[in-house]
Amino acid sequence: MDEDRFNMAIRKFLKEVGVTSQREIERIVRDQAIQKGSLRLRMTLTSEDVPSFQHVVETTVDLR
């Protein structure tokens, strides 16, 4: 395995996830007219190739 190529592929994937996720979060806050309070978020990473793999990240974003 080429470590540099592997790392670049992961970084490209994470960049796409980050950019598209931010757009979707901004869209839902705007479309739902959520202006104060908080928004609970959960991101789940899975792999079809490794069914037992599941990584969950949760956070709460303050909208005040």
C-alpha atoms as a PDB file:
ATOM      1  CA  MET A   1       0.000   0.000   0.000  1.00  0.00           C
ATOM      2  CA  ASP A   2       1.271   3.456  -0.924  1.00  0.00           C
ATOM      3  CA  GLU A   3       0.915   5.488   2.300  1.00  0.00           C
ATOM      4  CA  ASP A   4       0.971   8.852   0.538  1.00  0.00           C
ATOM      5  CA  ARG A   5      -1.733   7.846  -1.933  1.00  0.00           C
ATOM      6  CA  PHE A   6      -3.807   6.336   0.879  1.00  0.00           C
ATOM      7  CA  ASN A   7      -3.527   9.503   3.001  1.00  0.00           C
ATOM      8  CA  MET A   8      -4.435  11.727   0.041  1.00  0.00           C
ATOM      9  CA  ALA A   9      -7.500   9.599  -0.746  1.00  0.00           C
ATOM     10  CA  ILE A  10      -8.681   9.812   2.866  1.00  0.00           C
ATOM     11  CA  ARG A  11      -8.102  13.575   2.967  1.00  0.00           C
ATOM     12  CA  LYS A  12     -10.047  14.017  -0.275  1.00  0.00           C
ATOM     13  CA  PHE A  13     -12.945  11.984   1.136  1.00  0.00           C
ATOM     14  CA  LEU A  14     -12.951  13.907   4.426  1.00  0.00           C
ATOM     15  CA  LYS A  15     -12.831  17.243   2.603  1.00  0.00           C
ATOM     16  CA  GLU A  16     -15.852  16.258   0.512  1.00  0.00           C
ATOM     17  CA  VAL A  17     -17.709  15.077   3.615  1.00  0.00           C
ATOM     18  CA  GLY A  18     -16.866  18.274   5.478  1.00  0.00           C
ATOM     19  CA  VAL A  19     -17.813  20.684   2.692  1.00  0.00           C
ATOM     20  CA  THR A  20     -21.050  18.929   1.734  1.00  0.00           C
ATOM     21  CA  SER A  21     -22.047  18.426   5.372  1.00  0.00           C
ATOM     22  CA  GLN A  22     -21.529  22.097   6.178  1.00  0.00           C
ATOM     23  CA  ARG A  23     -23.681  23.089   3.207  1.00  0.00           C
ATOM     24  CA  GLU A  24     -26.455  20.737   4.298  1.00  0.00           C
ATOM     25  CA  ILE A  25     -26.364  21.970   7.894  1.00  0.00           C
ATOM     26  CA  GLU A  26     -26.496  25.597   6.745  1.00  0.00           C
ATOM     27  CA  ARG A  27     -29.375  24.751   4.374  1.00  0.00           C
ATOM     28  CA  ILE A  28     -31.474  23.016   7.014  1.00  0.00           C
ATOM     29  CA  VAL A  29     -30.920  25.826   9.531  1.00  0.00           C
ATOM     30  CA  ARG A  30     -31.931  28.378   6.890  1.00  0.00           C
ATOM     31  CA  ASP A  31     -34.890  26.396   5.476  1.00  0.00           C
ATOM     32  CA  GLN A  32     -36.265  25.539   8.901  1.00  0.00           C
ATOM     33  CA  ALA A  33     -35.695  29.115  10.102  1.00  0.00           C
ATOM     34  CA  ILE A  34     -33.812  27.868  13.160  1.00  0.00           C
ATOM     35  CA  GLN A  35     -32.379  31.028  14.657  1.00  0.00           C
ATOM     36  CA  LYS A  36     -31.747  30.286  18.301  1.00  0.00           C
ATOM     37  CA  GLY A  37     -31.256  27.392  20.598  1.00  0.00           C
ATOM     38  CA  SER A  38     -29.126  24.504  19.490  1.00  0.00           C
ATOM     39  CA  LEU A  39     -28.893  21.861  16.818  1.00  0.00           C
ATOM     40  CA  ARG A  40     -27.863  18.326  17.765  1.00  0.00           C
ATOM     41  CA  LEU A  41     -25.831  16.606  15.068  1.00  0.00           C
ATOM     42  CA  ARG A  42     -24.616  13.053  14.568  1.00  0.00           C
ATOM     43  CA  MET A  43     -22.297  11.761  11.861  1.00  0.00           C
ATOM     44  CA  THR A  44     -22.004   8.013  11.386  1.00  0.00           C
ATOM     45  CA  LEU A  45     -19.159   6.561   9.342  1.00  0.00           C
ATOM     46  CA  THR A  46     -19.584   3.004   8.082  1.00  0.00           C
ATOM     47  CA  SER A  47     -18.052   0.768   5.446  1.00  0.00           C
ATOM     48  CA  GLU A  48     -19.855  -1.750   3.273  1.00  0.00           C
ATOM     49  CA  ASP A  49     -16.561  -3.635   3.056  1.00  0.00           C
ATOM     50  CA  VAL A  50     -16.233  -3.941   6.852  1.00  0.00           C
ATOM     51  CA  PRO A  51     -19.785  -4.370   8.204  1.00  0.00           C
ATOM     52  CA  SER A  52     -18.626  -4.316  11.836  1.00  0.00           C
ATOM     53  CA  PHE A  53     -17.067  -0.848  11.407  1.00  0.00           C
ATOM     54  CA  GLN A  54     -19.097   2.055  12.761  1.00  0.00           C
ATOM     55  CA  HIS A  55     -17.697   5.351  14.017  1.00  0.00           C
ATOM     56  CA  VAL A  56     -20.108   7.920  15.478  1.00  0.00           C
ATOM     57  CA  VAL A  57     -19.360  11.575  16.200  1.00  0.00           C
ATOM     58  CA  GLU A  58     -21.983  13.671  17.997  1.00  0.00           C
ATOM     59  CA  THR A  59     -22.068  17.348  18.878  1.00  0.00           C
ATOM     60  CA  THR A  60     -24.438  20.171  19.674  1.00  0.00           C
ATOM     61  CA  VAL A  61     -24.069  23.433  17.756  1.00  0.00           C
ATOM     62  CA  ASP A  62     -25.147  26.577  19.597  1.00  0.00           C
ATOM     63  CA  LEU A  63     -27.232  28.778  17.286  1.00  0.00           C
ATOM     64  CA  ARG A  64     -27.420  31.874  19.497  1.00  0.00           C
END
